[in-house]
Amino acid sequence: MDKVKTLSYHYDRKEDILYVTLGDSDSALCIEQGDGFLVRIDPESGEVVGFTVIDFSLRAAERVAVPVYAQFALPQDETLVGVKV
C-alpha cells in the first residue's frame, strides 16, 4: 500500500484564498491552471501535493466543484466499534 498522506487545508479569509495540501512537501512548484486555480507539484516526484484557489468564496457561491481523488483503507486487524457484520 502507498504511504498514507494527510490532507489539510487553510482558508485565508482576509485574502479569500483556500490552500489544500496533501502530505508534508516543504517545497513545491506552482503551476497556474488559469482563472485563479494553482496546482502545487513536488519537484522531485512530480506528484500533486496541493492546490490553491484564489477568490474561493466567489467560486463556492457558484458551487464550482474541484475533483479530489483519494484512496482510503481500514486496517485489517482492528475491530470497528458499533458495526455489526
N, C-alpha and C. Protein backbone atom coordinates (compact mmCIF):
# COMPACT_ATOMS: atom_id res chain seq x y z
N MET A 1 0.85 -1.18 0.00
CA MET A 1 0.00 0.00 0.00
C MET A 1 0.89 1.24 0.00
N ASP A 2 0.43 2.30 -0.65
CA ASP A 2 1.16 3.56 -0.71
C ASP A 2 1.24 4.19 0.67
N LYS A 3 2.21 5.09 0.82
CA LYS A 3 2.37 5.83 2.06
C LYS A 3 1.11 6.67 2.33
N VAL A 4 0.66 6.68 3.57
CA VAL A 4 -0.52 7.45 3.95
C VAL A 4 -0.14 8.92 4.04
N LYS A 5 -0.94 9.78 3.43
CA LYS A 5 -0.68 11.22 3.43
C LYS A 5 -1.87 11.94 4.06
N THR A 6 -1.57 13.01 4.75
CA THR A 6 -2.60 13.80 5.41
C THR A 6 -3.08 14.91 4.48
N LEU A 7 -4.39 15.05 4.38
CA LEU A 7 -4.99 16.14 3.62
C LEU A 7 -5.32 17.25 4.60
N SER A 8 -4.75 18.43 4.37
CA SER A 8 -5.04 19.56 5.25
C SER A 8 -5.39 20.77 4.41
N TYR A 9 -6.05 21.72 5.05
CA TYR A 9 -6.43 22.93 4.33
C TYR A 9 -6.38 24.14 5.25
N HIS A 10 -6.25 25.28 4.64
CA HIS A 10 -6.27 26.56 5.37
C HIS A 10 -7.00 27.57 4.49
N TYR A 11 -7.95 28.27 5.10
CA TYR A 11 -8.66 29.32 4.37
C TYR A 11 -8.23 30.66 4.93
N ASP A 12 -7.66 31.51 4.08
CA ASP A 12 -7.27 32.87 4.45
C ASP A 12 -8.46 33.76 4.14
N ARG A 13 -9.24 34.07 5.17
CA ARG A 13 -10.47 34.83 4.99
C ARG A 13 -10.19 36.24 4.46
N LYS A 14 -9.12 36.85 4.94
CA LYS A 14 -8.78 38.23 4.53
C LYS A 14 -8.47 38.31 3.04
N GLU A 15 -7.70 37.35 2.55
CA GLU A 15 -7.31 37.34 1.13
C GLU A 15 -8.25 36.50 0.27
N ASP A 16 -9.15 35.76 0.91
CA ASP A 16 -10.11 34.89 0.22
C ASP A 16 -9.40 33.84 -0.65
N ILE A 17 -8.47 33.12 0.01
CA ILE A 17 -7.69 32.09 -0.68
C ILE A 17 -7.79 30.79 0.12
N LEU A 18 -8.07 29.70 -0.59
CA LEU A 18 -8.09 28.37 0.01
C LEU A 18 -6.83 27.64 -0.39
N TYR A 19 -6.12 27.10 0.61
CA TYR A 19 -4.92 26.30 0.38
C TYR A 19 -5.24 24.87 0.81
N VAL A 20 -5.03 23.91 -0.08
CA VAL A 20 -5.21 22.50 0.25
C VAL A 20 -3.88 21.80 0.00
N THR A 21 -3.44 21.03 1.01
CA THR A 21 -2.14 20.37 0.93
C THR A 21 -2.30 18.89 1.21
N LEU A 22 -1.60 18.08 0.45
CA LEU A 22 -1.59 16.64 0.63
C LEU A 22 -0.17 16.22 1.00
N GLY A 23 0.01 15.74 2.22
CA GLY A 23 1.33 15.31 2.66
C GLY A 23 2.12 16.44 3.29
N ASP A 24 3.44 16.25 3.31
CA ASP A 24 4.32 17.17 4.02
C ASP A 24 5.34 17.84 3.10
N SER A 25 5.04 18.05 1.86
CA SER A 25 6.00 18.62 0.93
C SER A 25 6.35 20.06 1.33
N ASP A 26 7.64 20.29 1.61
CA ASP A 26 8.08 21.63 2.01
C ASP A 26 8.27 22.55 0.82
N SER A 27 8.67 22.00 -0.28
CA SER A 27 8.86 22.83 -1.48
C SER A 27 8.01 22.26 -2.61
N ALA A 28 7.45 23.14 -3.38
CA ALA A 28 6.61 22.69 -4.49
C ALA A 28 6.65 23.73 -5.59
N LEU A 29 6.45 23.26 -6.80
CA LEU A 29 6.33 24.15 -7.95
C LEU A 29 4.85 24.49 -8.12
N CYS A 30 4.55 25.76 -8.30
CA CYS A 30 3.17 26.18 -8.53
C CYS A 30 2.94 26.36 -10.02
N ILE A 31 1.90 25.73 -10.51
CA ILE A 31 1.55 25.85 -11.92
C ILE A 31 0.15 26.41 -12.00
N GLU A 32 0.01 27.60 -12.58
CA GLU A 32 -1.30 28.22 -12.70
C GLU A 32 -2.09 27.53 -13.80
N GLN A 33 -3.29 27.11 -13.44
CA GLN A 33 -4.17 26.42 -14.39
C GLN A 33 -5.14 27.39 -15.05
N GLY A 34 -5.09 28.64 -14.64
CA GLY A 34 -5.99 29.64 -15.20
C GLY A 34 -7.09 29.99 -14.23
N ASP A 35 -7.54 31.20 -14.31
CA ASP A 35 -8.69 31.69 -13.55
C ASP A 35 -8.55 31.49 -12.04
N GLY A 36 -7.33 31.75 -11.51
CA GLY A 36 -7.14 31.71 -10.07
C GLY A 36 -7.02 30.35 -9.44
N PHE A 37 -6.71 29.33 -10.21
CA PHE A 37 -6.54 27.98 -9.69
C PHE A 37 -5.10 27.55 -9.95
N LEU A 38 -4.37 27.24 -8.87
CA LEU A 38 -2.98 26.82 -8.98
C LEU A 38 -2.80 25.42 -8.43
N VAL A 39 -1.97 24.63 -9.09
CA VAL A 39 -1.67 23.28 -8.64
C VAL A 39 -0.22 23.28 -8.16
N ARG A 40 0.02 22.65 -6.98
CA ARG A 40 1.37 22.56 -6.45
C ARG A 40 1.89 21.14 -6.67
N ILE A 41 3.08 21.04 -7.24
CA ILE A 41 3.67 19.76 -7.61
C ILE A 41 5.03 19.59 -6.93
N ASP A 42 5.28 18.42 -6.37
CA ASP A 42 6.57 18.10 -5.76
C ASP A 42 7.59 18.02 -6.89
N PRO A 43 8.66 18.82 -6.83
CA PRO A 43 9.63 18.84 -7.93
C PRO A 43 10.42 17.54 -8.08
N GLU A 44 10.55 16.76 -7.00
CA GLU A 44 11.30 15.50 -7.08
C GLU A 44 10.48 14.35 -7.62
N SER A 45 9.24 14.21 -7.13
CA SER A 45 8.42 13.06 -7.53
C SER A 45 7.47 13.36 -8.69
N GLY A 46 7.16 14.66 -8.89
CA GLY A 46 6.21 15.03 -9.93
C GLY A 46 4.76 14.84 -9.50
N GLU A 47 4.54 14.46 -8.22
CA GLU A 47 3.17 14.25 -7.71
C GLU A 47 2.52 15.56 -7.31
N VAL A 48 1.21 15.62 -7.44
CA VAL A 48 0.45 16.77 -6.97
C VAL A 48 0.44 16.72 -5.45
N VAL A 49 0.86 17.83 -4.81
CA VAL A 49 0.90 17.89 -3.35
C VAL A 49 -0.06 18.94 -2.80
N GLY A 50 -0.83 19.56 -3.68
CA GLY A 50 -1.81 20.52 -3.20
C GLY A 50 -2.33 21.41 -4.31
N PHE A 51 -3.25 22.28 -3.92
CA PHE A 51 -3.74 23.28 -4.85
C PHE A 51 -4.18 24.51 -4.08
N THR A 52 -4.28 25.62 -4.79
CA THR A 52 -4.66 26.90 -4.23
C THR A 52 -5.79 27.46 -5.07
N VAL A 53 -6.82 27.99 -4.40
CA VAL A 53 -7.96 28.58 -5.09
C VAL A 53 -8.08 30.04 -4.65
N ILE A 54 -7.85 30.94 -5.58
CA ILE A 54 -7.97 32.38 -5.32
C ILE A 54 -9.42 32.79 -5.53
N ASP A 55 -9.90 33.74 -4.70
CA ASP A 55 -11.31 34.16 -4.72
C ASP A 55 -12.22 32.97 -4.44
N PHE A 56 -11.87 32.20 -3.41
CA PHE A 56 -12.59 30.98 -3.09
C PHE A 56 -14.07 31.21 -2.80
N SER A 57 -14.41 32.26 -2.03
CA SER A 57 -15.81 32.46 -1.66
C SER A 57 -16.69 32.72 -2.88
N LEU A 58 -16.14 33.38 -3.89
CA LEU A 58 -16.91 33.60 -5.12
C LEU A 58 -17.17 32.28 -5.83
N ARG A 59 -16.16 31.44 -5.85
CA ARG A 59 -16.29 30.15 -6.51
C ARG A 59 -17.24 29.23 -5.74
N ALA A 60 -17.14 29.26 -4.40
CA ALA A 60 -18.01 28.43 -3.58
C ALA A 60 -19.47 28.84 -3.75
N ALA A 61 -19.69 30.15 -3.89
CA ALA A 61 -21.06 30.64 -4.10
C ALA A 61 -21.61 30.15 -5.43
N GLU A 62 -20.72 29.97 -6.40
CA GLU A 62 -21.12 29.46 -7.72
C GLU A 62 -21.18 27.94 -7.74
N ARG A 63 -20.79 27.31 -6.63
CA ARG A 63 -20.75 25.86 -6.50
C ARG A 63 -19.88 25.20 -7.56
N VAL A 64 -18.69 25.72 -7.71
CA VAL A 64 -17.73 25.12 -8.63
C VAL A 64 -17.11 23.91 -7.94
N ALA A 65 -17.17 22.79 -8.57
CA ALA A 65 -16.63 21.56 -7.99
C ALA A 65 -15.16 21.40 -8.36
N VAL A 66 -14.37 21.01 -7.38
CA VAL A 66 -12.97 20.68 -7.61
C VAL A 66 -12.82 19.21 -7.29
N PRO A 67 -12.56 18.37 -8.30
CA PRO A 67 -12.46 16.93 -8.03
C PRO A 67 -11.20 16.60 -7.23
N VAL A 68 -11.37 15.80 -6.20
CA VAL A 68 -10.25 15.33 -5.40
C VAL A 68 -10.38 13.81 -5.32
N TYR A 69 -9.37 13.12 -5.77
CA TYR A 69 -9.39 11.67 -5.74
C TYR A 69 -8.52 11.20 -4.59
N ALA A 70 -9.06 10.35 -3.75
CA ALA A 70 -8.33 9.86 -2.59
C ALA A 70 -8.59 8.37 -2.43
N GLN A 71 -7.61 7.70 -1.84
CA GLN A 71 -7.74 6.28 -1.59
C GLN A 71 -7.75 6.07 -0.08
N PHE A 72 -8.70 5.31 0.41
CA PHE A 72 -8.83 5.06 1.84
C PHE A 72 -8.75 3.57 2.11
N ALA A 73 -8.16 3.23 3.25
CA ALA A 73 -8.08 1.82 3.64
C ALA A 73 -8.22 1.71 5.14
N LEU A 74 -8.95 0.69 5.58
CA LEU A 74 -9.08 0.41 7.01
C LEU A 74 -8.09 -0.70 7.36
N PRO A 75 -7.45 -0.58 8.52
CA PRO A 75 -6.55 -1.66 8.95
C PRO A 75 -7.33 -2.96 9.07
N GLN A 76 -6.76 -4.06 8.65
CA GLN A 76 -7.45 -5.35 8.65
C GLN A 76 -7.49 -6.00 10.03
N ASP A 77 -6.60 -5.57 10.94
CA ASP A 77 -6.50 -6.24 12.22
C ASP A 77 -7.27 -5.55 13.34
N GLU A 78 -8.02 -4.50 13.06
CA GLU A 78 -8.76 -3.79 14.09
C GLU A 78 -10.27 -4.04 13.93
N THR A 79 -10.98 -4.06 15.04
CA THR A 79 -12.43 -4.24 15.03
C THR A 79 -13.09 -2.88 15.04
N LEU A 80 -14.10 -2.70 14.21
CA LEU A 80 -14.83 -1.46 14.18
C LEU A 80 -15.86 -1.46 15.30
N VAL A 81 -15.84 -0.46 16.12
CA VAL A 81 -16.77 -0.36 17.25
C VAL A 81 -18.15 0.03 16.74
N GLY A 82 -19.17 -0.68 17.17
CA GLY A 82 -20.53 -0.35 16.82
C GLY A 82 -20.99 -0.84 15.45
N VAL A 83 -20.18 -1.61 14.78
CA VAL A 83 -20.54 -2.10 13.45
C VAL A 83 -20.83 -3.59 13.54
N LYS A 84 -22.01 -3.97 13.10
CA LYS A 84 -22.37 -5.39 13.08
C LYS A 84 -22.05 -5.96 11.71
N VAL A 85 -21.43 -7.10 11.70
CA VAL A 85 -21.05 -7.72 10.44
C VAL A 85 -21.97 -8.89 10.17
